[in-house]
C-alpha cells in the first residue's frame, strides 16, 4: 500500500484520469473529493463489499429459484394486456 500525506486542497493523481482531493479535515474525519470518468465506478468499501456479495448470491441462483417470479410477472403482463 502506498501511503501519502496530503493537506487540505491538495490532490493525488491516479493515472491520467482520476483525481483524489482532500476537501476537509475535521478531527479524525477526512473528506475527500474524487474526480473520475463515468466509466469508473467509485464506491465506499462497505458499499462495494455489499454489491459484490449481492452479485455473488445472485449468480448462485438456479433457474427454479426464479421461475415462479418470472411466471407471475409474465402472467401479470398478460392479465394487464387483456384488461386494456
C-alpha atoms as a PDB file:
ATOM      1  CA  UNK A   1       0.000   0.000   0.000  1.00  0.00           C
ATOM      2  CA  UNK A   2       1.285   3.428  -0.928  1.00  0.00           C
ATOM      3  CA  UNK A   3       0.775   5.925   1.910  1.00  0.00           C
ATOM      4  CA  UNK A   4       0.865   9.636   1.064  1.00  0.00           C
ATOM      5  CA  UNK A   5       0.486  12.718   3.223  1.00  0.00           C
ATOM      6  CA  UNK A   6      -1.725  15.498   1.896  1.00  0.00           C
ATOM      7  CA  UNK A   7      -3.089  18.707   3.341  1.00  0.00           C
ATOM      8  CA  UNK A   8      -6.438  20.316   2.655  1.00  0.00           C
ATOM      9  CA  UNK A   9      -6.969  21.200  -1.016  1.00  0.00           C
ATOM     10  CA  UNK A  10      -4.057  19.021  -2.142  1.00  0.00           C
ATOM     11  CA  UNK A  11      -4.638  16.358  -4.780  1.00  0.00           C
ATOM     12  CA  UNK A  12      -3.369  12.894  -5.645  1.00  0.00           C
ATOM     13  CA  UNK A  13      -3.494  11.678  -9.265  1.00  0.00           C
ATOM     14  CA  UNK A  14      -4.144   8.060 -10.194  1.00  0.00           C
ATOM     15  CA  UNK A  15      -3.199   7.612 -13.818  1.00  0.00           C
ATOM     16  CA  UNK A  16      -4.262  10.479 -16.079  1.00  0.00           C
ATOM     17  CA  UNK A  17      -7.981  10.420 -15.281  1.00  0.00           C
ATOM     18  CA  UNK A  18      -8.551  10.077 -11.542  1.00  0.00           C
ATOM     19  CA  UNK A  19      -8.031  12.881  -9.030  1.00  0.00           C
ATOM     20  CA  UNK A  20      -8.447  12.489  -5.281  1.00  0.00           C
ATOM     21  CA  UNK A  21      -8.554  15.788  -3.394  1.00  0.00           C
ATOM     22  CA  UNK A  22      -8.549  16.354   0.359  1.00  0.00           C
ATOM     23  CA  UNK A  23     -11.583  18.605   0.755  1.00  0.00           C
ATOM     24  CA  UNK A  24     -11.752  18.978   4.542  1.00  0.00           C
ATOM     25  CA  UNK A  25     -10.201  17.647   7.733  1.00  0.00           C
ATOM     26  CA  UNK A  26     -12.203  17.704  10.977  1.00  0.00           C
ATOM     27  CA  UNK A  27     -10.788  15.803  13.915  1.00  0.00           C
ATOM     28  CA  UNK A  28     -10.381  12.193  12.869  1.00  0.00           C
ATOM     29  CA  UNK A  29     -12.505  12.564   9.711  1.00  0.00           C
ATOM     30  CA  UNK A  30     -11.123  13.410   6.299  1.00  0.00           C
ATOM     31  CA  UNK A  31     -13.476  14.406   3.480  1.00  0.00           C
ATOM     32  CA  UNK A  32     -12.194  13.596   0.031  1.00  0.00           C
ATOM     33  CA  UNK A  33     -13.422  14.518  -3.425  1.00  0.00           C
ATOM     34  CA  UNK A  34     -12.961  12.138  -6.328  1.00  0.00           C
ATOM     35  CA  UNK A  35     -12.982  13.128  -9.975  1.00  0.00           C
ATOM     36  CA  UNK A  36     -13.088  10.131 -12.296  1.00  0.00           C
ATOM     37  CA  UNK A  37     -14.542   9.206 -15.679  1.00  0.00           C
ATOM     38  CA  UNK A  38     -18.149   7.971 -15.565  1.00  0.00           C
ATOM     39  CA  UNK A  39     -16.922   4.577 -16.736  1.00  0.00           C
ATOM     40  CA  UNK A  40     -15.073   4.142 -13.411  1.00  0.00           C
ATOM     41  CA  UNK A  41     -17.306   3.068 -10.541  1.00  0.00           C
ATOM     42  CA  UNK A  42     -16.445   4.716  -7.225  1.00  0.00           C
ATOM     43  CA  UNK A  43     -17.894   3.285  -4.000  1.00  0.00           C
ATOM     44  CA  UNK A  44     -17.101   3.313  -0.311  1.00  0.00           C
ATOM     45  CA  UNK A  45     -15.531  -0.049   0.590  1.00  0.00           C
ATOM     46  CA  UNK A  46     -18.518  -1.220   2.636  1.00  0.00           C
ATOM     47  CA  UNK A  47     -20.897  -0.438  -0.254  1.00  0.00           C
ATOM     48  CA  UNK A  48     -18.589  -2.193  -2.721  1.00  0.00           C
ATOM     49  CA  UNK A  49     -18.469  -5.285  -0.489  1.00  0.00           C
ATOM     50  CA  UNK A  50     -22.281  -5.338  -0.219  1.00  0.00           C
ATOM     51  CA  UNK A  51     -22.682  -5.060  -4.010  1.00  0.00           C
ATOM     52  CA  UNK A  52     -20.130  -7.807  -4.548  1.00  0.00           C
ATOM     53  CA  UNK A  53     -21.904 -10.094  -2.055  1.00  0.00           C
ATOM     54  CA  UNK A  54     -25.300  -9.492  -3.689  1.00  0.00           C
ATOM     55  CA  UNK A  55     -23.845 -10.248  -7.122  1.00  0.00           C
ATOM     56  CA  UNK A  56     -22.272 -13.462  -5.831  1.00  0.00           C
ATOM     57  CA  UNK A  57     -25.559 -14.532  -4.240  1.00  0.00           C
ATOM     58  CA  UNK A  58     -27.482 -13.736  -7.430  1.00  0.00           C
ATOM     59  CA  UNK A  59     -25.040 -15.772  -9.516  1.00  0.00           C
ATOM     60  CA  UNK A  60     -25.750 -18.816  -7.325  1.00  0.00           C
ATOM     61  CA  UNK A  61     -29.486 -18.769  -8.085  1.00  0.00           C
ATOM     62  CA  UNK A  62     -30.810 -21.683 -10.088  1.00  0.00           C
ATOM     63  CA  UNK A  63     -33.490 -21.302 -12.767  1.00  0.00           C
ATOM     64  CA  UNK A  64     -36.014 -22.974 -10.449  1.00  0.00           C
ATOM     65  CA  UNK A  65     -35.327 -20.283  -7.815  1.00  0.00           C
ATOM     66  CA  UNK A  66     -36.691 -17.559 -10.081  1.00  0.00           C
ATOM     67  CA  UNK A  67     -39.140 -19.441 -12.307  1.00  0.00           C
ATOM     68  CA  UNK A  68     -42.103 -18.599 -10.041  1.00  0.00           C
ATOM     69  CA  UNK A  69     -41.263 -14.908 -10.181  1.00  0.00           C
ATOM     70  CA  UNK A  70     -40.863 -14.977 -13.957  1.00  0.00           C
ATOM     71  CA  UNK A  71     -44.120 -16.882 -14.357  1.00  0.00           C
ATOM     72  CA  UNK A  72     -46.004 -14.462 -12.064  1.00  0.00           C
ATOM     73  CA  UNK A  73     -44.626 -11.472 -13.955  1.00  0.00           C
ATOM     74  CA  UNK A  74     -45.471 -12.901 -17.378  1.00  0.00           C
ATOM     75  CA  UNK A  75     -48.994 -13.808 -16.214  1.00  0.00           C
ATOM     76  CA  UNK A  76     -49.438 -10.332 -14.750  1.00  0.00           C
ATOM     77  CA  UNK A  77     -48.364  -8.769 -18.044  1.00  0.00           C
ATOM     78  CA  UNK A  78     -50.863 -10.928 -19.947  1.00  0.00           C
ATOM     79  CA  UNK A  79     -53.646 -10.041 -17.492  1.00  0.00           C
ATOM     80  CA  UNK A  80     -52.896  -6.345 -17.876  1.00  0.00           C
ATOM     81  CA  UNK A  81     -52.929  -6.565 -21.660  1.00  0.00           C
ATOM     82  CA  UNK A  82     -56.215  -8.486 -21.637  1.00  0.00           C
ATOM     83  CA  UNK A  83     -57.868  -5.896 -19.385  1.00  0.00           C
ATOM     84  CA  UNK A  84     -56.789  -2.933 -21.575  1.00  0.00           C
END
